[in-house]
Amino acid sequence: MPPLTAEERDDLLRTAGVLMRIATVDADGDPHVTPIWFIYEEDRLWFTPRAGSDWLRHLRAHPRFACVIDETAQPYRKLVIEGEAEIVHEVGEDEVWRDRYRRIAERYVEPAGALAYIRNTIDQPRALCALTLAEARVRSWRMPVADEPRSGIWHRRYYGAETTFGAEAGLGGDS
């Protein structure tokens, strides 16, 4: 699958309604995955764990995490990101970054609903975390589009030399 261009990546990260699935590690070393809201601004992913969330506790103990951000429609753009979370604002400092939280909520619900959501949950303090994309490991891919070769559906390493797409990708025969 072809990797995303920087423009395709940024477009996916700015697409309303797309969730981030954050993977952390708990105290026993077990994986923990949570789908969350986020926003992409200033070359950073911004996200907001509630004070009592398991994954905030995990990030405090071990700030390294991985996440997946993808779409369910063609061309099925996908990002896998690995990096270290920075807690930019601690729990209880919500008022300092309330406008950013409003923008996050507006990516998932219409503006009036976002304001109502904030008003209804204002007594549930959150931390504000960020990951700078330039400091993270980012892998991306999508389905081939337009005239790109159909053999690009999977990475070359997945094709057997004697399969239809393997031959098309130049893996088999006399090549």
N, C-alpha and C. Protein backbone atom coordinates (compact mmCIF):
# COMPACT_ATOMS: atom_id res chain seq x y z
N MET A 1 0.85 -1.17 0.00
CA MET A 1 0.00 0.00 0.00
C MET A 1 0.89 1.23 0.00
N PRO A 2 0.54 2.22 -0.76
CA PRO A 2 1.36 3.43 -0.78
C PRO A 2 1.26 4.18 0.55
N PRO A 3 2.38 4.76 1.00
CA PRO A 3 2.30 5.60 2.20
C PRO A 3 1.54 6.88 1.88
N LEU A 4 0.99 7.51 2.90
CA LEU A 4 0.31 8.78 2.71
C LEU A 4 1.33 9.88 2.45
N THR A 5 0.97 10.81 1.61
CA THR A 5 1.77 12.02 1.47
C THR A 5 1.53 12.86 2.73
N ALA A 6 2.35 13.86 2.94
CA ALA A 6 2.15 14.75 4.09
C ALA A 6 0.77 15.40 4.02
N GLU A 7 0.34 15.76 2.82
CA GLU A 7 -0.98 16.38 2.66
C GLU A 7 -2.10 15.39 3.00
N GLU A 8 -1.96 14.14 2.54
CA GLU A 8 -2.97 13.12 2.86
C GLU A 8 -3.02 12.84 4.36
N ARG A 9 -1.84 12.77 4.98
CA ARG A 9 -1.77 12.55 6.42
C ARG A 9 -2.47 13.68 7.18
N ASP A 10 -2.13 14.92 6.84
CA ASP A 10 -2.73 16.06 7.53
C ASP A 10 -4.24 16.12 7.29
N ASP A 11 -4.67 15.78 6.08
CA ASP A 11 -6.10 15.77 5.78
C ASP A 11 -6.81 14.73 6.64
N LEU A 12 -6.24 13.54 6.77
CA LEU A 12 -6.85 12.51 7.62
C LEU A 12 -6.92 12.99 9.08
N LEU A 13 -5.83 13.59 9.56
CA LEU A 13 -5.81 14.05 10.95
C LEU A 13 -6.79 15.19 11.22
N ARG A 14 -7.18 15.88 10.17
CA ARG A 14 -8.14 16.99 10.32
C ARG A 14 -9.57 16.60 9.96
N THR A 15 -9.79 15.35 9.56
CA THR A 15 -11.12 14.90 9.18
C THR A 15 -12.00 14.76 10.43
N ALA A 16 -13.12 15.46 10.41
CA ALA A 16 -14.04 15.43 11.56
C ALA A 16 -14.55 14.02 11.79
N GLY A 17 -14.69 13.66 13.06
CA GLY A 17 -15.29 12.39 13.43
C GLY A 17 -14.35 11.20 13.48
N VAL A 18 -13.14 11.33 12.98
CA VAL A 18 -12.19 10.22 13.00
C VAL A 18 -11.64 10.07 14.42
N LEU A 19 -11.70 8.85 14.94
CA LEU A 19 -11.23 8.59 16.30
C LEU A 19 -9.76 8.20 16.33
N MET A 20 -9.15 8.41 17.47
CA MET A 20 -7.81 7.91 17.75
C MET A 20 -7.97 6.77 18.75
N ARG A 21 -7.34 5.66 18.46
CA ARG A 21 -7.34 4.53 19.40
C ARG A 21 -5.96 4.47 20.04
N ILE A 22 -5.93 4.84 21.31
CA ILE A 22 -4.65 4.96 22.02
C ILE A 22 -4.38 3.67 22.78
N ALA A 23 -3.16 3.16 22.64
CA ALA A 23 -2.75 1.93 23.32
C ALA A 23 -1.69 2.28 24.35
N THR A 24 -1.98 1.95 25.60
CA THR A 24 -1.05 2.16 26.71
C THR A 24 -0.77 0.80 27.35
N VAL A 25 0.12 0.80 28.32
CA VAL A 25 0.46 -0.43 29.03
C VAL A 25 0.15 -0.22 30.51
N ASP A 26 -0.60 -1.18 31.09
CA ASP A 26 -0.96 -1.04 32.50
C ASP A 26 0.18 -1.52 33.41
N ALA A 27 -0.05 -1.45 34.71
CA ALA A 27 0.98 -1.79 35.69
C ALA A 27 1.43 -3.25 35.61
N ASP A 28 0.58 -4.12 35.08
CA ASP A 28 0.94 -5.54 34.92
C ASP A 28 1.61 -5.83 33.59
N GLY A 29 1.78 -4.79 32.75
CA GLY A 29 2.37 -4.98 31.43
C GLY A 29 1.37 -5.39 30.37
N ASP A 30 0.09 -5.35 30.71
CA ASP A 30 -0.95 -5.72 29.75
C ASP A 30 -1.33 -4.52 28.90
N PRO A 31 -1.69 -4.76 27.64
CA PRO A 31 -2.11 -3.66 26.77
C PRO A 31 -3.50 -3.15 27.15
N HIS A 32 -3.70 -1.87 26.91
CA HIS A 32 -4.98 -1.22 27.20
C HIS A 32 -5.25 -0.28 26.02
N VAL A 33 -6.36 -0.47 25.31
CA VAL A 33 -6.69 0.36 24.15
C VAL A 33 -7.99 1.09 24.42
N THR A 34 -8.00 2.39 24.11
CA THR A 34 -9.18 3.22 24.33
C THR A 34 -9.41 4.11 23.10
N PRO A 35 -10.62 4.11 22.53
CA PRO A 35 -10.93 5.06 21.45
C PRO A 35 -11.22 6.42 22.07
N ILE A 36 -10.58 7.46 21.52
CA ILE A 36 -10.72 8.80 22.12
C ILE A 36 -10.87 9.87 21.04
N TRP A 37 -11.34 11.03 21.49
CA TRP A 37 -11.38 12.22 20.66
C TRP A 37 -10.00 12.88 20.69
N PHE A 38 -9.68 13.59 19.61
CA PHE A 38 -8.41 14.31 19.54
C PHE A 38 -8.57 15.46 18.55
N ILE A 39 -7.55 16.29 18.52
CA ILE A 39 -7.46 17.33 17.49
C ILE A 39 -5.99 17.42 17.06
N TYR A 40 -5.78 17.76 15.80
CA TYR A 40 -4.44 17.94 15.25
C TYR A 40 -4.23 19.43 15.01
N GLU A 41 -3.39 20.04 15.81
CA GLU A 41 -3.06 21.45 15.70
C GLU A 41 -1.58 21.63 16.02
N GLU A 42 -0.94 22.58 15.35
CA GLU A 42 0.46 22.93 15.64
C GLU A 42 1.39 21.71 15.52
N ASP A 43 1.12 20.84 14.53
CA ASP A 43 1.89 19.61 14.31
C ASP A 43 1.88 18.69 15.52
N ARG A 44 0.79 18.77 16.30
CA ARG A 44 0.67 17.93 17.49
C ARG A 44 -0.72 17.30 17.55
N LEU A 45 -0.77 16.10 18.09
CA LEU A 45 -2.04 15.48 18.44
C LEU A 45 -2.33 15.89 19.88
N TRP A 46 -3.51 16.45 20.12
CA TRP A 46 -3.94 16.88 21.44
C TRP A 46 -5.08 15.99 21.89
N PHE A 47 -5.04 15.51 23.13
CA PHE A 47 -6.08 14.62 23.64
C PHE A 47 -6.22 14.83 25.14
N THR A 48 -7.38 14.41 25.67
CA THR A 48 -7.77 14.85 27.01
C THR A 48 -8.29 13.72 27.89
N PRO A 49 -7.42 13.03 28.60
CA PRO A 49 -7.90 12.00 29.52
C PRO A 49 -8.55 12.62 30.75
N ARG A 50 -9.64 12.01 31.21
CA ARG A 50 -10.27 12.44 32.45
C ARG A 50 -9.40 12.04 33.64
N ALA A 51 -9.60 12.71 34.74
CA ALA A 51 -8.79 12.50 35.94
C ALA A 51 -8.75 11.04 36.36
N GLY A 52 -9.87 10.33 36.27
CA GLY A 52 -9.93 8.96 36.74
C GLY A 52 -9.69 7.91 35.67
N SER A 53 -9.25 8.31 34.49
CA SER A 53 -9.09 7.32 33.42
C SER A 53 -7.88 6.42 33.65
N ASP A 54 -8.06 5.16 33.32
CA ASP A 54 -6.94 4.21 33.43
C ASP A 54 -5.78 4.64 32.56
N TRP A 55 -6.08 5.08 31.35
CA TRP A 55 -4.99 5.38 30.43
C TRP A 55 -4.19 6.62 30.84
N LEU A 56 -4.77 7.55 31.58
CA LEU A 56 -3.98 8.66 32.12
C LEU A 56 -3.00 8.11 33.17
N ARG A 57 -3.48 7.23 34.02
CA ARG A 57 -2.60 6.61 35.02
C ARG A 57 -1.46 5.85 34.31
N HIS A 58 -1.78 5.15 33.24
CA HIS A 58 -0.74 4.43 32.48
C HIS A 58 0.29 5.39 31.89
N LEU A 59 -0.19 6.51 31.31
CA LEU A 59 0.74 7.48 30.71
C LEU A 59 1.63 8.14 31.76
N ARG A 60 1.11 8.34 32.93
CA ARG A 60 1.93 8.92 34.01
C ARG A 60 3.08 7.97 34.36
N ALA A 61 2.78 6.68 34.40
CA ALA A 61 3.80 5.68 34.75
C ALA A 61 4.74 5.38 33.59
N HIS A 62 4.21 5.42 32.39
CA HIS A 62 4.99 5.07 31.19
C HIS A 62 4.43 5.90 30.03
N PRO A 63 5.04 7.05 29.73
CA PRO A 63 4.46 7.96 28.74
C PRO A 63 4.49 7.48 27.28
N ARG A 64 5.23 6.41 27.01
CA ARG A 64 5.25 5.89 25.63
C ARG A 64 3.92 5.21 25.33
N PHE A 65 3.41 5.46 24.13
CA PHE A 65 2.15 4.86 23.71
C PHE A 65 2.16 4.69 22.20
N ALA A 66 1.19 3.97 21.71
CA ALA A 66 0.94 3.86 20.27
C ALA A 66 -0.52 4.21 20.03
N CYS A 67 -0.81 4.65 18.83
CA CYS A 67 -2.20 4.91 18.48
C CYS A 67 -2.43 4.60 17.02
N VAL A 68 -3.69 4.38 16.71
CA VAL A 68 -4.13 4.16 15.34
C VAL A 68 -5.18 5.20 15.03
N ILE A 69 -5.04 5.83 13.88
CA ILE A 69 -6.04 6.77 13.38
C ILE A 69 -6.31 6.33 11.95
N ASP A 70 -7.57 5.99 11.66
CA ASP A 70 -7.88 5.47 10.34
C ASP A 70 -9.30 5.84 9.95
N GLU A 71 -9.62 5.55 8.70
CA GLU A 71 -10.97 5.84 8.21
C GLU A 71 -11.59 4.56 7.66
N THR A 72 -12.91 4.52 7.64
CA THR A 72 -13.61 3.31 7.21
C THR A 72 -14.09 3.38 5.77
N ALA A 73 -13.78 4.44 5.05
CA ALA A 73 -14.15 4.57 3.64
C ALA A 73 -12.89 4.58 2.78
N GLN A 74 -13.04 4.17 1.54
CA GLN A 74 -11.89 4.19 0.63
C GLN A 74 -11.39 5.60 0.46
N PRO A 75 -10.09 5.79 0.41
CA PRO A 75 -9.04 4.78 0.18
C PRO A 75 -8.47 4.18 1.47
N TYR A 76 -9.24 4.18 2.55
CA TYR A 76 -8.84 3.54 3.81
C TYR A 76 -7.49 4.06 4.30
N ARG A 77 -7.39 5.37 4.44
CA ARG A 77 -6.14 5.95 4.96
C ARG A 77 -5.93 5.49 6.40
N LYS A 78 -4.68 5.14 6.72
CA LYS A 78 -4.36 4.61 8.04
C LYS A 78 -3.05 5.20 8.54
N LEU A 79 -3.02 5.50 9.83
CA LEU A 79 -1.81 5.95 10.50
C LEU A 79 -1.59 5.10 11.74
N VAL A 80 -0.37 4.69 11.96
CA VAL A 80 0.05 4.08 13.22
C VAL A 80 1.15 4.97 13.74
N ILE A 81 0.97 5.48 14.95
CA ILE A 81 1.90 6.46 15.51
C ILE A 81 2.39 5.94 16.85
N GLU A 82 3.70 6.02 17.06
CA GLU A 82 4.31 5.63 18.33
C GLU A 82 5.13 6.80 18.84
N GLY A 83 4.95 7.13 20.10
CA GLY A 83 5.69 8.25 20.66
C GLY A 83 5.48 8.37 22.15
N GLU A 84 5.81 9.54 22.65
CA GLU A 84 5.74 9.79 24.08
C GLU A 84 4.78 10.94 24.36
N ALA A 85 3.83 10.68 25.24
CA ALA A 85 2.84 11.71 25.60
C ALA A 85 3.47 12.74 26.53
N GLU A 86 3.12 13.97 26.29
CA GLU A 86 3.49 15.06 27.20
C GLU A 86 2.21 15.53 27.87
N ILE A 87 2.23 15.60 29.18
CA ILE A 87 1.08 16.18 29.89
C ILE A 87 1.32 17.69 29.93
N VAL A 88 0.62 18.39 29.05
CA VAL A 88 0.82 19.84 28.88
C VAL A 88 0.15 20.61 30.01
N HIS A 89 -1.05 20.18 30.38
CA HIS A 89 -1.77 20.78 31.50
C HIS A 89 -2.30 19.67 32.39
N GLU A 90 -2.04 19.79 33.66
CA GLU A 90 -2.48 18.79 34.63
C GLU A 90 -3.99 18.87 34.86
N VAL A 91 -4.51 17.82 35.44
CA VAL A 91 -5.91 17.77 35.84
C VAL A 91 -6.19 18.99 36.73
N GLY A 92 -7.30 19.65 36.47
CA GLY A 92 -7.68 20.81 37.26
C GLY A 92 -7.29 22.13 36.62
N GLU A 93 -6.50 22.09 35.55
CA GLU A 93 -6.12 23.31 34.84
C GLU A 93 -6.99 23.50 33.60
N ASP A 94 -8.15 22.86 33.58
CA ASP A 94 -9.02 22.83 32.41
C ASP A 94 -9.35 24.22 31.86
N GLU A 95 -9.55 25.18 32.75
CA GLU A 95 -9.95 26.51 32.32
C GLU A 95 -8.91 27.16 31.39
N VAL A 96 -7.66 26.81 31.56
CA VAL A 96 -6.57 27.37 30.75
C VAL A 96 -6.70 26.96 29.28
N TRP A 97 -7.20 25.76 29.04
CA TRP A 97 -7.25 25.25 27.67
C TRP A 97 -8.67 24.91 27.21
N ARG A 98 -9.67 25.52 27.84
CA ARG A 98 -11.08 25.24 27.53
C ARG A 98 -11.40 25.47 26.05
N ASP A 99 -10.81 26.48 25.41
CA ASP A 99 -11.09 26.74 24.00
C ASP A 99 -10.61 25.59 23.12
N ARG A 100 -9.48 25.02 23.44
CA ARG A 100 -8.99 23.86 22.68
C ARG A 100 -9.94 22.68 22.89
N TYR A 101 -10.41 22.51 24.10
CA TYR A 101 -11.35 21.42 24.37
C TYR A 101 -12.63 21.61 23.57
N ARG A 102 -13.09 22.84 23.44
CA ARG A 102 -14.27 23.12 22.61
C ARG A 102 -14.00 22.72 21.17
N ARG A 103 -12.83 23.05 20.64
CA ARG A 103 -12.49 22.67 19.26
C ARG A 103 -12.42 21.15 19.09
N ILE A 104 -11.91 20.46 20.12
CA ILE A 104 -11.89 18.99 20.06
C ILE A 104 -13.32 18.47 19.97
N ALA A 105 -14.19 18.93 20.86
CA ALA A 105 -15.58 18.46 20.89
C ALA A 105 -16.30 18.77 19.57
N GLU A 106 -16.01 19.90 18.96
CA GLU A 106 -16.66 20.28 17.70
C GLU A 106 -16.24 19.41 16.53
N ARG A 107 -15.18 18.65 16.67
CA ARG A 107 -14.80 17.69 15.62
C ARG A 107 -15.75 16.50 15.60
N TYR A 108 -16.47 16.28 16.70
CA TYR A 108 -17.31 15.09 16.85
C TYR A 108 -18.80 15.39 16.95
N VAL A 109 -19.17 16.57 17.39
CA VAL A 109 -20.57 16.97 17.46
C VAL A 109 -20.70 18.41 16.99
N GLU A 110 -21.89 18.78 16.56
CA GLU A 110 -22.09 20.14 16.06
C GLU A 110 -21.83 21.15 17.19
N PRO A 111 -21.52 22.42 16.84
CA PRO A 111 -21.09 23.41 17.84
C PRO A 111 -22.00 23.56 19.05
N ALA A 112 -23.30 23.61 18.86
CA ALA A 112 -24.20 23.75 20.02
C ALA A 112 -24.11 22.52 20.92
N GLY A 113 -24.02 21.35 20.32
CA GLY A 113 -23.88 20.13 21.10
C GLY A 113 -22.55 20.07 21.83
N ALA A 114 -21.48 20.58 21.19
CA ALA A 114 -20.17 20.61 21.83
C ALA A 114 -20.19 21.51 23.07
N LEU A 115 -20.83 22.67 22.96
CA LEU A 115 -20.93 23.57 24.11
C LEU A 115 -21.76 22.93 25.22
N ALA A 116 -22.84 22.25 24.85
CA ALA A 116 -23.66 21.57 25.86
C ALA A 116 -22.86 20.46 26.53
N TYR A 117 -22.09 19.72 25.75
CA TYR A 117 -21.26 18.65 26.31
C TYR A 117 -20.26 19.21 27.31
N ILE A 118 -19.60 20.29 26.95
CA ILE A 118 -18.63 20.92 27.86
C ILE A 118 -19.34 21.41 29.12
N ARG A 119 -20.46 22.08 28.94
CA ARG A 119 -21.22 22.59 30.09
C ARG A 119 -21.65 21.45 31.02
N ASN A 120 -22.06 20.32 30.44
CA ASN A 120 -22.55 19.19 31.24
C ASN A 120 -21.43 18.38 31.89
N THR A 121 -20.21 18.53 31.41
CA THR A 121 -19.10 17.74 31.97
C THR A 121 -18.00 18.62 32.57
N ILE A 122 -18.29 19.90 32.77
CA ILE A 122 -17.28 20.84 33.25
C ILE A 122 -16.75 20.46 34.64
N ASP A 123 -17.56 19.72 35.41
CA ASP A 123 -17.13 19.32 36.74
C ASP A 123 -16.33 18.01 36.72
N GLN A 124 -15.99 17.53 35.55
CA GLN A 124 -15.16 16.32 35.39
C GLN A 124 -13.80 16.74 34.86
N PRO A 125 -12.85 17.08 35.73
CA PRO A 125 -11.57 17.63 35.26
C PRO A 125 -10.78 16.63 34.42
N ARG A 126 -10.02 17.20 33.52
CA ARG A 126 -9.21 16.43 32.58
C ARG A 126 -7.79 16.98 32.56
N ALA A 127 -6.90 16.17 32.06
CA ALA A 127 -5.55 16.65 31.73
C ALA A 127 -5.54 16.92 30.23
N LEU A 128 -4.62 17.73 29.78
CA LEU A 128 -4.42 17.95 28.35
C LEU A 128 -3.06 17.36 27.98
N CYS A 129 -3.08 16.40 27.09
CA CYS A 129 -1.85 15.74 26.64
C CYS A 129 -1.59 16.05 25.18
N ALA A 130 -0.34 15.90 24.76
CA ALA A 130 0.01 16.14 23.37
C ALA A 130 1.14 15.20 22.95
N LEU A 131 1.20 14.98 21.67
CA LEU A 131 2.30 14.26 21.04
C LEU A 131 2.71 15.07 19.83
N THR A 132 3.98 15.45 19.77
CA THR A 132 4.50 16.17 18.61
C THR A 132 4.80 15.15 17.52
N LEU A 133 4.15 15.31 16.37
CA LEU A 133 4.27 14.33 15.30
C LEU A 133 5.71 14.19 14.81
N ALA A 134 6.44 15.28 14.75
CA ALA A 134 7.82 15.23 14.25
C ALA A 134 8.73 14.41 15.16
N GLU A 135 8.33 14.20 16.41
CA GLU A 135 9.14 13.43 17.35
C GLU A 135 8.67 11.98 17.48
N ALA A 136 7.67 11.61 16.70
CA ALA A 136 7.08 10.29 16.80
C ALA A 136 7.46 9.44 15.59
N ARG A 137 7.28 8.13 15.73
CA ARG A 137 7.42 7.21 14.60
C ARG A 137 6.03 7.12 13.97
N VAL A 138 5.95 7.47 12.70
CA VAL A 138 4.66 7.49 12.00
C VAL A 138 4.74 6.57 10.79
N ARG A 139 3.84 5.59 10.75
CA ARG A 139 3.70 4.73 9.57
C ARG A 139 2.32 4.98 8.99
N SER A 140 2.24 4.98 7.67
CA SER A 140 0.96 5.26 7.03
C SER A 140 0.81 4.46 5.75
N TRP A 141 -0.42 4.26 5.35
CA TRP A 141 -0.70 3.62 4.08
C TRP A 141 -2.17 3.83 3.73
N ARG A 142 -2.47 3.53 2.49
CA ARG A 142 -3.84 3.61 1.97
C ARG A 142 -3.94 2.68 0.77
N MET A 143 -5.15 2.47 0.32
CA MET A 143 -5.36 1.68 -0.89
C MET A 143 -4.85 2.48 -2.09
N PRO A 144 -4.46 1.81 -3.14
CA PRO A 144 -4.07 2.52 -4.36
C PRO A 144 -5.26 3.31 -4.91
N VAL A 145 -4.97 4.46 -5.50
CA VAL A 145 -6.01 5.29 -6.11
C VAL A 145 -5.62 5.58 -7.56
N ALA A 146 -6.62 5.97 -8.33
CA ALA A 146 -6.44 6.34 -9.74
C ALA A 146 -5.67 5.26 -10.50
N ASP A 147 -4.55 5.61 -11.10
CA ASP A 147 -3.79 4.68 -11.94
C ASP A 147 -2.67 3.96 -11.20
N GLU A 148 -2.65 4.04 -9.88
CA GLU A 148 -1.61 3.33 -9.13
C GLU A 148 -1.81 1.82 -9.30
N PRO A 149 -0.73 1.04 -9.31
CA PRO A 149 -0.87 -0.41 -9.52
C PRO A 149 -1.71 -1.07 -8.43
N ARG A 150 -2.58 -1.98 -8.84
CA ARG A 150 -3.44 -2.70 -7.90
C ARG A 150 -2.61 -3.61 -7.00
N SER A 151 -1.40 -3.94 -7.42
CA SER A 151 -0.54 -4.77 -6.57
C SER A 151 -0.14 -4.00 -5.31
N GLY A 152 -0.43 -2.72 -5.28
CA GLY A 152 -0.14 -1.91 -4.11
C GLY A 152 -1.14 -2.07 -2.99
N ILE A 153 -2.07 -3.01 -3.13
CA ILE A 153 -3.07 -3.22 -2.08
C ILE A 153 -2.39 -3.63 -0.77
N TRP A 154 -1.35 -4.46 -0.85
CA TRP A 154 -0.60 -4.88 0.33
C TRP A 154 0.85 -4.48 0.15
N HIS A 155 1.59 -4.52 1.22
CA HIS A 155 3.03 -4.31 1.15
C HIS A 155 3.65 -5.50 0.40
N ARG A 156 4.71 -5.27 -0.34
CA ARG A 156 5.36 -6.32 -1.15
C ARG A 156 5.71 -7.57 -0.33
N ARG A 157 6.07 -7.40 0.93
CA ARG A 157 6.50 -8.55 1.72
C ARG A 157 5.39 -9.58 1.92
N TYR A 158 4.13 -9.21 1.66
CA TYR A 158 3.02 -10.14 1.86
C TYR A 158 2.73 -11.01 0.64
N TYR A 159 3.29 -10.69 -0.51
CA TYR A 159 2.99 -11.45 -1.72
C TYR A 159 3.97 -12.60 -1.92
N GLY A 160 3.42 -13.76 -2.22
CA GLY A 160 4.26 -14.88 -2.63
C GLY A 160 4.74 -14.63 -4.06
N ALA A 161 5.94 -15.10 -4.37
CA ALA A 161 6.54 -14.85 -5.68
C ALA A 161 5.67 -15.36 -6.83
N GLU A 162 4.98 -16.44 -6.63
CA GLU A 162 4.22 -17.05 -7.72
C GLU A 162 2.74 -16.65 -7.74
N THR A 163 2.35 -15.68 -6.93
CA THR A 163 0.96 -15.24 -6.94
C THR A 163 0.76 -14.18 -8.00
N THR A 164 -0.50 -13.89 -8.34
CA THR A 164 -0.80 -12.92 -9.40
C THR A 164 -0.17 -11.57 -9.10
N PHE A 165 -0.44 -11.01 -7.92
CA PHE A 165 0.12 -9.69 -7.59
C PHE A 165 1.61 -9.77 -7.31
N GLY A 166 2.10 -10.93 -6.84
CA GLY A 166 3.54 -11.08 -6.63
C GLY A 166 4.29 -10.96 -7.93
N ALA A 167 3.76 -11.59 -8.99
CA ALA A 167 4.38 -11.49 -10.31
C ALA A 167 4.31 -10.06 -10.82
N GLU A 168 3.14 -9.42 -10.61
CA GLU A 168 2.96 -8.03 -11.05
C GLU A 168 3.94 -7.10 -10.33
N ALA A 169 4.22 -7.42 -9.06
CA ALA A 169 5.14 -6.60 -8.28
C ALA A 169 6.60 -6.95 -8.57
N GLY A 170 6.83 -7.89 -9.49
CA GLY A 170 8.20 -8.24 -9.88
C GLY A 170 8.88 -9.16 -8.91
N LEU A 171 8.11 -10.00 -8.20
CA LEU A 171 8.71 -10.88 -7.19
C LEU A 171 9.00 -12.28 -7.71
N GLY A 172 8.36 -12.69 -8.79
CA GLY A 172 8.51 -14.08 -9.21
C GLY A 172 9.23 -14.24 -10.53
N GLY A 173 9.30 -15.47 -10.97
CA GLY A 173 9.84 -15.78 -12.29
C GLY A 173 11.28 -15.39 -12.46
N ASP A 174 11.60 -14.81 -13.63
CA ASP A 174 12.98 -14.50 -14.00
C ASP A 174 13.44 -13.14 -13.53
N SER A 175 12.61 -12.41 -12.83
CA SER A 175 13.02 -11.05 -12.44
C SER A 175 13.89 -11.03 -11.23
